[in-house]
Amino acid sequence: AHLVNYCLHVTLLNLFLWVGLSNTVAPIPVFCIAIPVNFLLVRYVFK
């Protein structure tokens, strides 16, 4: 589940860096998008 999530994180990070967000700010929208996706994946694993 985290392998899928990691790929989403890195893709989004590089996308946000590419569009011009600073390297200290770019992770923040990544977290906002990827964390809900991760909850669904991890919940599936534990159920």
All heavy atoms as atom14 arrays in JSON, in Angstrom:
{
  "sequence": "AHLVNYCLHVTLLNLFLWVGLSNTVAPIPVFCIAIPVNFLLVRYVFK",
  "atom14_mask": [
    [1, 1, 1, 1, 1, 0, 0, 0, 0, 0, 0, 0, 0, 0],
    [1, 1, 1, 1, 1, 1, 1, 1, 1, 1, 0, 0, 0, 0],
    [1, 1, 1, 1, 1, 1, 1, 1, 0, 0, 0, 0, 0, 0],
    [1, 1, 1, 1, 1, 1, 1, 0, 0, 0, 0, 0, 0, 0],
    [1, 1, 1, 1, 1, 1, 1, 1, 0, 0, 0, 0, 0, 0],
    [1, 1, 1, 1, 1, 1, 1, 1, 1, 1, 1, 1, 0, 0],
    [1, 1, 1, 1, 1, 1, 0, 0, 0, 0, 0, 0, 0, 0],
    [1, 1, 1, 1, 1, 1, 1, 1, 0, 0, 0, 0, 0, 0],
    [1, 1, 1, 1, 1, 1, 1, 1, 1, 1, 0, 0, 0, 0],
    [1, 1, 1, 1, 1, 1, 1, 0, 0, 0, 0, 0, 0, 0],
    [1, 1, 1, 1, 1, 1, 1, 0, 0, 0, 0, 0, 0, 0],
    [1, 1, 1, 1, 1, 1, 1, 1, 0, 0, 0, 0, 0, 0],
    [1, 1, 1, 1, 1, 1, 1, 1, 0, 0, 0, 0, 0, 0],
    [1, 1, 1, 1, 1, 1, 1, 1, 0, 0, 0, 0, 0, 0],
    [1, 1, 1, 1, 1, 1, 1, 1, 0, 0, 0, 0, 0, 0],
    [1, 1, 1, 1, 1, 1, 1, 1, 1, 1, 1, 0, 0, 0],
    [1, 1, 1, 1, 1, 1, 1, 1, 0, 0, 0, 0, 0, 0],
    [1, 1, 1, 1, 1, 1, 1, 1, 1, 1, 1, 1, 1, 1],
    [1, 1, 1, 1, 1, 1, 1, 0, 0, 0, 0, 0, 0, 0],
    [1, 1, 1, 1, 0, 0, 0, 0, 0, 0, 0, 0, 0, 0],
    [1, 1, 1, 1, 1, 1, 1, 1, 0, 0, 0, 0, 0, 0],
    [1, 1, 1, 1, 1, 1, 0, 0, 0, 0, 0, 0, 0, 0],
    [1, 1, 1, 1, 1, 1, 1, 1, 0, 0, 0, 0, 0, 0],
    [1, 1, 1, 1, 1, 1, 1, 0, 0, 0, 0, 0, 0, 0],
    [1, 1, 1, 1, 1, 1, 1, 0, 0, 0, 0, 0, 0, 0],
    [1, 1, 1, 1, 1, 0, 0, 0, 0, 0, 0, 0, 0, 0],
    [1, 1, 1, 1, 1, 1, 1, 0, 0, 0, 0, 0, 0, 0],
    [1, 1, 1, 1, 1, 1, 1, 1, 0, 0, 0, 0, 0, 0],
    [1, 1, 1, 1, 1, 1, 1, 0, 0, 0, 0, 0, 0, 0],
    [1, 1, 1, 1, 1, 1, 1, 0, 0, 0, 0, 0, 0, 0],
    [1, 1, 1, 1, 1, 1, 1, 1, 1, 1, 1, 0, 0, 0],
    [1, 1, 1, 1, 1, 1, 0, 0, 0, 0, 0, 0, 0, 0],
    [1, 1, 1, 1, 1, 1, 1, 1, 0, 0, 0, 0, 0, 0],
    [1, 1, 1, 1, 1, 0, 0, 0, 0, 0, 0, 0, 0, 0],
    [1, 1, 1, 1, 1, 1, 1, 1, 0, 0, 0, 0, 0, 0],
    [1, 1, 1, 1, 1, 1, 1, 0, 0, 0, 0, 0, 0, 0],
    [1, 1, 1, 1, 1, 1, 1, 0, 0, 0, 0, 0, 0, 0],
    [1, 1, 1, 1, 1, 1, 1, 1, 0, 0, 0, 0, 0, 0],
    [1, 1, 1, 1, 1, 1, 1, 1, 1, 1, 1, 0, 0, 0],
    [1, 1, 1, 1, 1, 1, 1, 1, 0, 0, 0, 0, 0, 0],
    [1, 1, 1, 1, 1, 1, 1, 1, 0, 0, 0, 0, 0, 0],
    [1, 1, 1, 1, 1, 1, 1, 0, 0, 0, 0, 0, 0, 0],
    [1, 1, 1, 1, 1, 1, 1, 1, 1, 1, 1, 0, 0, 0],
    [1, 1, 1, 1, 1, 1, 1, 1, 1, 1, 1, 1, 0, 0],
    [1, 1, 1, 1, 1, 1, 1, 0, 0, 0, 0, 0, 0, 0],
    [1, 1, 1, 1, 1, 1, 1, 1, 1, 1, 1, 0, 0, 0],
    [1, 1, 1, 1, 1, 1, 1, 1, 1, 0, 0, 0, 0, 0]
  ],
  "atom14_positions": [
    [[0.84, -1.2, 0.0], [0.0, 0.0, 0.0], [0.88, 1.25, 0.0], [0.61, 2.22, -0.72], [-0.93, 0.0, 1.21], [0.0, 0.0, 0.0], [0.0, 0.0, 0.0], [0.0, 0.0, 0.0], [0.0, 0.0, 0.0], [0.0, 0.0, 0.0], [0.0, 0.0, 0.0], [0.0, 0.0, 0.0], [0.0, 0.0, 0.0], [0.0, 0.0, 0.0]],
    [[1.95, 1.21, 0.76], [2.83, 2.36, 0.83], [3.71, 2.5, -0.41], [4.15, 3.61, -0.73], [3.67, 2.35, 2.11], [2.95, 2.98, 3.25], [3.03, 4.32, 3.51], [2.09, 2.48, 4.16], [2.27, 4.62, 4.55], [1.69, 3.51, 4.96], [0.0, 0.0, 0.0], [0.0, 0.0, 0.0], [0.0, 0.0, 0.0], [0.0, 0.0, 0.0]],
    [[3.95, 1.42, -1.11], [4.68, 1.52, -2.38], [3.85, 2.34, -3.37], [4.36, 3.25, -4.03], [4.99, 0.13, -2.94], [5.74, 0.1, -4.26], [7.1, 0.79, -4.12], [5.92, -1.33, -4.72], [0.0, 0.0, 0.0], [0.0, 0.0, 0.0], [0.0, 0.0, 0.0], [0.0, 0.0, 0.0], [0.0, 0.0, 0.0], [0.0, 0.0, 0.0]],
    [[2.56, 2.03, -3.45], [1.65, 2.81, -4.3], [1.62, 4.26, -3.81], [1.74, 5.2, -4.6], [0.23, 2.2, -4.28], [-0.77, 3.11, -4.97], [0.23, 0.82, -4.92], [0.0, 0.0, 0.0], [0.0, 0.0, 0.0], [0.0, 0.0, 0.0], [0.0, 0.0, 0.0], [0.0, 0.0, 0.0], [0.0, 0.0, 0.0], [0.0, 0.0, 0.0]],
    [[1.51, 4.43, -2.51], [1.45, 5.76, -1.92], [2.75, 6.53, -2.16], [2.74, 7.72, -2.47], [1.15, 5.65, -0.43], [0.71, 6.96, 0.16], [-0.11, 7.67, -0.4], [1.28, 7.29, 1.3], [0.0, 0.0, 0.0], [0.0, 0.0, 0.0], [0.0, 0.0, 0.0], [0.0, 0.0, 0.0], [0.0, 0.0, 0.0], [0.0, 0.0, 0.0]],
    [[3.89, 5.85, -2.03], [5.19, 6.5, -2.26], [5.29, 7.01, -3.7], [5.74, 8.14, -3.93], [6.33, 5.52, -1.96], [7.67, 6.04, -2.4], [8.33, 7.02, -1.66], [8.28, 5.59, -3.57], [9.55, 7.52, -2.07], [9.5, 6.08, -3.98], [10.13, 7.05, -3.23], [11.33, 7.55, -3.65], [0.0, 0.0, 0.0], [0.0, 0.0, 0.0]],
    [[4.86, 6.2, -4.65], [4.89, 6.63, -6.05], [4.02, 7.87, -6.26], [4.41, 8.8, -6.97], [4.44, 5.49, -6.97], [5.6, 4.11, -7.01], [0.0, 0.0, 0.0], [0.0, 0.0, 0.0], [0.0, 0.0, 0.0], [0.0, 0.0, 0.0], [0.0, 0.0, 0.0], [0.0, 0.0, 0.0], [0.0, 0.0, 0.0], [0.0, 0.0, 0.0]],
    [[2.85, 7.88, -5.63], [1.98, 9.06, -5.69], [2.67, 10.27, -5.06], [2.68, 11.36, -5.64], [0.65, 8.76, -4.98], [-0.36, 9.91, -4.91], [-0.8, 10.32, -6.31], [-1.56, 9.49, -4.07], [0.0, 0.0, 0.0], [0.0, 0.0, 0.0], [0.0, 0.0, 0.0], [0.0, 0.0, 0.0], [0.0, 0.0, 0.0], [0.0, 0.0, 0.0]],
    [[3.3, 10.09, -3.91], [4.01, 11.16, -3.23], [5.1, 11.76, -4.11], [5.17, 12.98, -4.29], [4.68, 10.64, -1.94], [3.83, 10.68, -0.74], [3.97, 11.61, 0.25], [2.83, 9.86, -0.32], [3.1, 11.38, 1.23], [2.4, 10.32, 0.9], [0.0, 0.0, 0.0], [0.0, 0.0, 0.0], [0.0, 0.0, 0.0], [0.0, 0.0, 0.0]],
    [[5.97, 10.91, -4.63], [7.11, 11.4, -5.4], [6.66, 12.07, -6.7], [7.19, 13.12, -7.1], [8.12, 10.25, -5.67], [9.2, 10.68, -6.65], [8.75, 9.82, -4.36], [0.0, 0.0, 0.0], [0.0, 0.0, 0.0], [0.0, 0.0, 0.0], [0.0, 0.0, 0.0], [0.0, 0.0, 0.0], [0.0, 0.0, 0.0], [0.0, 0.0, 0.0]],
    [[5.66, 11.5, -7.34], [5.12, 12.11, -8.57], [4.55, 13.49, -8.27], [4.86, 14.46, -8.97], [4.04, 11.2, -9.18], [4.63, 9.93, -9.49], [3.45, 11.82, -10.44], [0.0, 0.0, 0.0], [0.0, 0.0, 0.0], [0.0, 0.0, 0.0], [0.0, 0.0, 0.0], [0.0, 0.0, 0.0], [0.0, 0.0, 0.0], [0.0, 0.0, 0.0]],
    [[3.74, 13.58, -7.23], [3.16, 14.87, -6.87], [4.22, 15.87, -6.42], [4.16, 17.05, -6.78], [2.11, 14.69, -5.76], [0.81, 14.0, -6.17], [-0.05, 13.7, -4.95], [0.04, 14.83, -7.18], [0.0, 0.0, 0.0], [0.0, 0.0, 0.0], [0.0, 0.0, 0.0], [0.0, 0.0, 0.0], [0.0, 0.0, 0.0], [0.0, 0.0, 0.0]],
    [[5.2, 15.42, -5.64], [6.27, 16.3, -5.19], [6.97, 16.93, -6.4], [7.14, 18.14, -6.48], [7.29, 15.56, -4.33], [8.52, 16.39, -3.92], [8.12, 17.47, -2.92], [9.6, 15.49, -3.35], [0.0, 0.0, 0.0], [0.0, 0.0, 0.0], [0.0, 0.0, 0.0], [0.0, 0.0, 0.0], [0.0, 0.0, 0.0], [0.0, 0.0, 0.0]],
    [[7.36, 16.08, -7.34], [8.06, 16.59, -8.51], [7.16, 17.46, -9.39], [7.63, 18.43, -9.99], [8.7, 15.45, -9.29], [9.94, 14.94, -8.58], [10.93, 15.64, -8.5], [9.84, 13.75, -8.0], [0.0, 0.0, 0.0], [0.0, 0.0, 0.0], [0.0, 0.0, 0.0], [0.0, 0.0, 0.0], [0.0, 0.0, 0.0], [0.0, 0.0, 0.0]],
    [[5.88, 17.16, -9.43], [4.94, 18.0, -10.16], [4.85, 19.39, -9.52], [4.94, 20.41, -10.22], [3.55, 17.34, -10.2], [2.44, 18.18, -10.82], [2.67, 18.33, -12.33], [1.09, 17.56, -10.55], [0.0, 0.0, 0.0], [0.0, 0.0, 0.0], [0.0, 0.0, 0.0], [0.0, 0.0, 0.0], [0.0, 0.0, 0.0], [0.0, 0.0, 0.0]],
    [[4.71, 19.44, -8.2], [4.61, 20.72, -7.52], [5.93, 21.51, -7.59], [5.91, 22.74, -7.67], [4.14, 20.55, -6.07], [2.7, 20.14, -5.97], [2.32, 19.03, -5.25], [1.71, 20.87, -6.61], [0.99, 18.65, -5.16], [0.37, 20.51, -6.53], [0.01, 19.38, -5.8], [0.0, 0.0, 0.0], [0.0, 0.0, 0.0], [0.0, 0.0, 0.0]],
    [[7.07, 20.82, -7.57], [8.34, 21.5, -7.77], [8.43, 22.05, -9.19], [8.88, 23.18, -9.4], [9.52, 20.55, -7.49], [9.72, 20.13, -6.05], [10.72, 19.0, -5.95], [10.16, 21.32, -5.19], [0.0, 0.0, 0.0], [0.0, 0.0, 0.0], [0.0, 0.0, 0.0], [0.0, 0.0, 0.0], [0.0, 0.0, 0.0], [0.0, 0.0, 0.0]],
    [[7.96, 21.28, -10.15], [8.0, 21.68, -11.56], [7.15, 22.92, -11.83], [7.53, 23.79, -12.61], [7.56, 20.5, -12.43], [7.57, 20.8, -13.89], [8.65, 20.87, -14.73], [6.42, 21.05, -14.71], [8.24, 21.16, -16.0], [6.88, 21.26, -16.02], [5.06, 21.11, -14.44], [6.03, 21.55, -17.07], [4.2, 21.38, -15.5], [4.69, 21.6, -16.79]],
    [[5.98, 23.0, -11.17], [5.12, 24.17, -11.38], [5.59, 25.4, -10.61], [5.02, 26.47, -10.77], [3.62, 23.9, -11.08], [3.06, 22.84, -11.98], [3.4, 23.58, -9.63], [0.0, 0.0, 0.0], [0.0, 0.0, 0.0], [0.0, 0.0, 0.0], [0.0, 0.0, 0.0], [0.0, 0.0, 0.0], [0.0, 0.0, 0.0], [0.0, 0.0, 0.0]],
    [[6.63, 25.24, -9.8], [7.24, 26.41, -9.19], [7.12, 26.56, -7.69], [7.58, 27.56, -7.13], [0.0, 0.0, 0.0], [0.0, 0.0, 0.0], [0.0, 0.0, 0.0], [0.0, 0.0, 0.0], [0.0, 0.0, 0.0], [0.0, 0.0, 0.0], [0.0, 0.0, 0.0], [0.0, 0.0, 0.0], [0.0, 0.0, 0.0], [0.0, 0.0, 0.0]],
    [[6.5, 25.61, -7.01], [6.46, 25.71, -5.55], [7.87, 25.52, -5.0], [8.67, 24.76, -5.54], [5.53, 24.66, -4.95], [4.03, 24.85, -5.15], [3.26, 23.73, -4.5], [3.56, 26.18, -4.6], [0.0, 0.0, 0.0], [0.0, 0.0, 0.0], [0.0, 0.0, 0.0], [0.0, 0.0, 0.0], [0.0, 0.0, 0.0], [0.0, 0.0, 0.0]],
    [[8.16, 26.19, -3.91], [9.49, 26.05, -3.3], [9.63, 24.65, -2.71], [8.63, 23.99, -2.4], [9.69, 27.1, -2.2], [8.94, 26.76, -1.05], [0.0, 0.0, 0.0], [0.0, 0.0, 0.0], [0.0, 0.0, 0.0], [0.0, 0.0, 0.0], [0.0, 0.0, 0.0], [0.0, 0.0, 0.0], [0.0, 0.0, 0.0], [0.0, 0.0, 0.0]],
    [[10.87, 24.23, -2.55], [11.09, 22.88, -2.04], [10.67, 22.7, -0.58], [10.53, 21.59, -0.11], [12.54, 22.42, -2.27], [13.55, 23.29, -1.56], [13.22, 24.2, -0.81], [14.82, 23.01, -1.82], [0.0, 0.0, 0.0], [0.0, 0.0, 0.0], [0.0, 0.0, 0.0], [0.0, 0.0, 0.0], [0.0, 0.0, 0.0], [0.0, 0.0, 0.0]],
    [[10.47, 23.79, 0.13], [9.97, 23.66, 1.51], [8.45, 23.64, 1.57], [7.88, 23.13, 2.53], [10.49, 24.81, 2.41], [10.12, 26.06, 1.83], [12.0, 24.74, 2.55], [0.0, 0.0, 0.0], [0.0, 0.0, 0.0], [0.0, 0.0, 0.0], [0.0, 0.0, 0.0], [0.0, 0.0, 0.0], [0.0, 0.0, 0.0], [0.0, 0.0, 0.0]],
    [[7.78, 24.14, 0.55], [6.32, 24.19, 0.52], [5.73, 23.03, -0.28], [4.63, 22.55, 0.03], [5.84, 25.55, -0.05], [4.34, 25.58, -0.25], [6.29, 26.68, 0.84], [0.0, 0.0, 0.0], [0.0, 0.0, 0.0], [0.0, 0.0, 0.0], [0.0, 0.0, 0.0], [0.0, 0.0, 0.0], [0.0, 0.0, 0.0], [0.0, 0.0, 0.0]],
    [[6.43, 22.56, -1.29], [5.89, 21.52, -2.19], [5.36, 20.28, -1.48], [4.35, 19.72, -1.91], [6.94, 21.14, -3.23], [0.0, 0.0, 0.0], [0.0, 0.0, 0.0], [0.0, 0.0, 0.0], [0.0, 0.0, 0.0], [0.0, 0.0, 0.0], [0.0, 0.0, 0.0], [0.0, 0.0, 0.0], [0.0, 0.0, 0.0], [0.0, 0.0, 0.0]],
    [[5.98, 19.79, -0.39], [5.43, 18.61, 0.27], [4.04, 18.81, 0.89], [3.28, 17.85, 1.02], [6.45, 18.29, 1.36], [7.71, 18.89, 0.89], [7.3, 20.14, 0.17], [0.0, 0.0, 0.0], [0.0, 0.0, 0.0], [0.0, 0.0, 0.0], [0.0, 0.0, 0.0], [0.0, 0.0, 0.0], [0.0, 0.0, 0.0], [0.0, 0.0, 0.0]],
    [[3.7, 20.02, 1.24], [2.44, 20.25, 1.96], [1.22, 19.86, 1.12], [0.38, 19.08, 1.6], [2.38, 21.69, 2.5], [3.48, 21.86, 3.55], [1.0, 22.0, 3.08], [3.74, 23.26, 4.0], [0.0, 0.0, 0.0], [0.0, 0.0, 0.0], [0.0, 0.0, 0.0], [0.0, 0.0, 0.0], [0.0, 0.0, 0.0], [0.0, 0.0, 0.0]],
    [[1.07, 20.31, -0.14], [-0.07, 19.83, -0.92], [0.02, 18.33, -1.24], [-1.01, 17.67, -1.38], [-0.06, 20.68, -2.19], [1.3, 21.27, -2.26], [1.81, 21.35, -0.86], [0.0, 0.0, 0.0], [0.0, 0.0, 0.0], [0.0, 0.0, 0.0], [0.0, 0.0, 0.0], [0.0, 0.0, 0.0], [0.0, 0.0, 0.0], [0.0, 0.0, 0.0]],
    [[1.25, 17.82, -1.31], [1.41, 16.37, -1.51], [0.75, 15.61, -0.36], [-0.01, 14.67, -0.58], [2.9, 15.97, -1.64], [3.05, 14.46, -1.68], [3.54, 16.62, -2.85], [0.0, 0.0, 0.0], [0.0, 0.0, 0.0], [0.0, 0.0, 0.0], [0.0, 0.0, 0.0], [0.0, 0.0, 0.0], [0.0, 0.0, 0.0], [0.0, 0.0, 0.0]],
    [[1.05, 16.02, 0.86], [0.46, 15.38, 2.03], [-1.07, 15.46, 2.0], [-1.76, 14.5, 2.32], [0.98, 16.0, 3.33], [2.46, 15.83, 3.57], [3.2, 16.86, 4.1], [3.11, 14.64, 3.27], [4.56, 16.72, 4.34], [4.47, 14.49, 3.49], [5.21, 15.53, 4.03], [0.0, 0.0, 0.0], [0.0, 0.0, 0.0], [0.0, 0.0, 0.0]],
    [[-1.57, 16.63, 1.62], [-3.04, 16.83, 1.6], [-3.74, 15.91, 0.61], [-4.88, 15.5, 0.83], [-3.36, 18.28, 1.26], [-2.86, 19.44, 2.55], [0.0, 0.0, 0.0], [0.0, 0.0, 0.0], [0.0, 0.0, 0.0], [0.0, 0.0, 0.0], [0.0, 0.0, 0.0], [0.0, 0.0, 0.0], [0.0, 0.0, 0.0], [0.0, 0.0, 0.0]],
    [[-3.08, 15.57, -0.47], [-3.67, 14.7, -1.48], [-3.43, 13.22, -1.15], [-4.34, 12.39, -1.21], [-3.1, 15.02, -2.88], [-3.53, 16.43, -3.3], [-3.53, 13.98, -3.91], [-2.78, 16.97, -4.51], [0.0, 0.0, 0.0], [0.0, 0.0, 0.0], [0.0, 0.0, 0.0], [0.0, 0.0, 0.0], [0.0, 0.0, 0.0], [0.0, 0.0, 0.0]],
    [[-2.2, 12.89, -0.78], [-1.82, 11.48, -0.64], [-2.3, 10.83, 0.65], [-2.53, 9.62, 0.68], [-0.3, 11.35, -0.77], [0.0, 0.0, 0.0], [0.0, 0.0, 0.0], [0.0, 0.0, 0.0], [0.0, 0.0, 0.0], [0.0, 0.0, 0.0], [0.0, 0.0, 0.0], [0.0, 0.0, 0.0], [0.0, 0.0, 0.0], [0.0, 0.0, 0.0]],
    [[-2.46, 11.58, 1.71], [-2.83, 10.97, 2.99], [-4.23, 10.35, 2.95], [-4.4, 9.22, 3.42], [-2.65, 11.98, 4.15], [-1.16, 12.18, 4.39], [-3.35, 11.51, 5.41], [-0.81, 13.27, 5.37], [0.0, 0.0, 0.0], [0.0, 0.0, 0.0], [0.0, 0.0, 0.0], [0.0, 0.0, 0.0], [0.0, 0.0, 0.0], [0.0, 0.0, 0.0]],
    [[-5.25, 11.01, 2.39], [-6.55, 10.33, 2.3], [-6.51, 9.05, 1.44], [-7.14, 8.06, 1.77], [-7.47, 11.39, 1.66], [-6.83, 12.69, 1.97], [-5.35, 12.42, 1.98], [0.0, 0.0, 0.0], [0.0, 0.0, 0.0], [0.0, 0.0, 0.0], [0.0, 0.0, 0.0], [0.0, 0.0, 0.0], [0.0, 0.0, 0.0], [0.0, 0.0, 0.0]],
    [[-5.73, 9.09, 0.37], [-5.57, 7.9, -0.46], [-4.93, 6.78, 0.35], [-5.36, 5.63, 0.31], [-4.73, 8.21, -1.73], [-4.39, 6.94, -2.49], [-5.47, 9.21, -2.61], [0.0, 0.0, 0.0], [0.0, 0.0, 0.0], [0.0, 0.0, 0.0], [0.0, 0.0, 0.0], [0.0, 0.0, 0.0], [0.0, 0.0, 0.0], [0.0, 0.0, 0.0]],
    [[-3.91, 7.14, 1.13], [-3.23, 6.16, 1.97], [-4.16, 5.54, 2.99], [-4.09, 4.34, 3.26], [-2.04, 6.82, 2.66], [-1.19, 5.82, 3.39], [-0.89, 4.74, 2.89], [-0.8, 6.16, 4.59], [0.0, 0.0, 0.0], [0.0, 0.0, 0.0], [0.0, 0.0, 0.0], [0.0, 0.0, 0.0], [0.0, 0.0, 0.0], [0.0, 0.0, 0.0]],
    [[-5.06, 6.34, 3.59], [-6.0, 5.78, 4.56], [-6.82, 4.67, 3.93], [-7.0, 3.6, 4.52], [-6.93, 6.86, 5.13], [-8.01, 6.28, 6.0], [-7.71, 5.8, 7.26], [-9.32, 6.19, 5.56], [-8.7, 5.25, 8.07], [-10.31, 5.65, 6.36], [-10.0, 5.17, 7.62], [0.0, 0.0, 0.0], [0.0, 0.0, 0.0], [0.0, 0.0, 0.0]],
    [[-7.32, 4.9, 2.74], [-8.15, 3.89, 2.06], [-7.35, 2.63, 1.77], [-7.83, 1.52, 2.0], [-8.73, 4.46, 0.76], [-9.69, 5.64, 0.95], [-10.08, 6.21, -0.4], [-10.92, 5.22, 1.74], [0.0, 0.0, 0.0], [0.0, 0.0, 0.0], [0.0, 0.0, 0.0], [0.0, 0.0, 0.0], [0.0, 0.0, 0.0], [0.0, 0.0, 0.0]],
    [[-6.1, 2.79, 1.32], [-5.27, 1.63, 1.03], [-4.93, 0.84, 2.29], [-5.06, -0.39, 2.33], [-3.98, 2.07, 0.33], [-4.12, 2.65, -1.06], [-2.79, 3.24, -1.53], [-4.6, 1.59, -2.05], [0.0, 0.0, 0.0], [0.0, 0.0, 0.0], [0.0, 0.0, 0.0], [0.0, 0.0, 0.0], [0.0, 0.0, 0.0], [0.0, 0.0, 0.0]],
    [[-4.52, 1.54, 3.34], [-4.13, 0.87, 4.58], [-5.32, 0.24, 5.28], [-5.24, -0.87, 5.8], [-3.37, 1.86, 5.51], [-3.16, 1.26, 6.88], [-2.05, 2.25, 4.88], [0.0, 0.0, 0.0], [0.0, 0.0, 0.0], [0.0, 0.0, 0.0], [0.0, 0.0, 0.0], [0.0, 0.0, 0.0], [0.0, 0.0, 0.0], [0.0, 0.0, 0.0]],
    [[-6.45, 0.91, 5.25], [-7.65, 0.34, 5.87], [-8.02, -0.97, 5.2], [-8.43, -1.94, 5.84], [-8.83, 1.34, 5.81], [-10.0, 0.87, 6.65], [-10.99, 2.01, 6.87], [-11.95, 1.68, 7.89], [-13.05, 0.98, 7.67], [-13.35, 0.54, 6.49], [-13.87, 0.71, 8.68], [0.0, 0.0, 0.0], [0.0, 0.0, 0.0], [0.0, 0.0, 0.0]],
    [[-7.87, -1.02, 3.88], [-8.14, -2.24, 3.12], [-7.19, -3.36, 3.59], [-7.63, -4.5, 3.78], [-7.98, -1.98, 1.62], [-8.15, -3.23, 0.79], [-9.4, -3.76, 0.55], [-7.03, -3.89, 0.27], [-9.56, -4.91, -0.19], [-7.18, -5.04, -0.47], [-8.45, -5.54, -0.7], [-8.59, -6.7, -1.43], [0.0, 0.0, 0.0], [0.0, 0.0, 0.0]],
    [[-5.94, -3.04, 3.79], [-4.96, -4.05, 4.23], [-5.32, -4.6, 5.6], [-5.22, -5.79, 5.86], [-3.54, -3.43, 4.26], [-2.55, -4.35, 4.99], [-3.05, -3.15, 2.85], [0.0, 0.0, 0.0], [0.0, 0.0, 0.0], [0.0, 0.0, 0.0], [0.0, 0.0, 0.0], [0.0, 0.0, 0.0], [0.0, 0.0, 0.0], [0.0, 0.0, 0.0]],
    [[-5.76, -3.73, 6.52], [-6.04, -4.17, 7.88], [-7.43, -4.74, 8.05], [-7.77, -5.24, 9.1], [-5.78, -3.03, 8.87], [-4.33, -2.9, 9.23], [-3.46, -2.19, 8.41], [-3.83, -3.52, 10.34], [-2.12, -2.09, 8.72], [-2.49, -3.43, 10.67], [-1.63, -2.7, 9.85], [0.0, 0.0, 0.0], [0.0, 0.0, 0.0], [0.0, 0.0, 0.0]],
    [[-8.24, -4.67, 7.04], [-9.58, -5.27, 7.1], [-9.51, -6.55, 6.37], [-9.94, -7.44, 6.16], [-10.62, -4.34, 6.49], [-10.89, -3.14, 7.36], [-11.48, -3.61, 8.63], [-11.71, -2.52, 9.62], [-12.27, -2.94, 10.83], [0.0, 0.0, 0.0], [0.0, 0.0, 0.0], [0.0, 0.0, 0.0], [0.0, 0.0, 0.0], [0.0, 0.0, 0.0]]
  ]
}
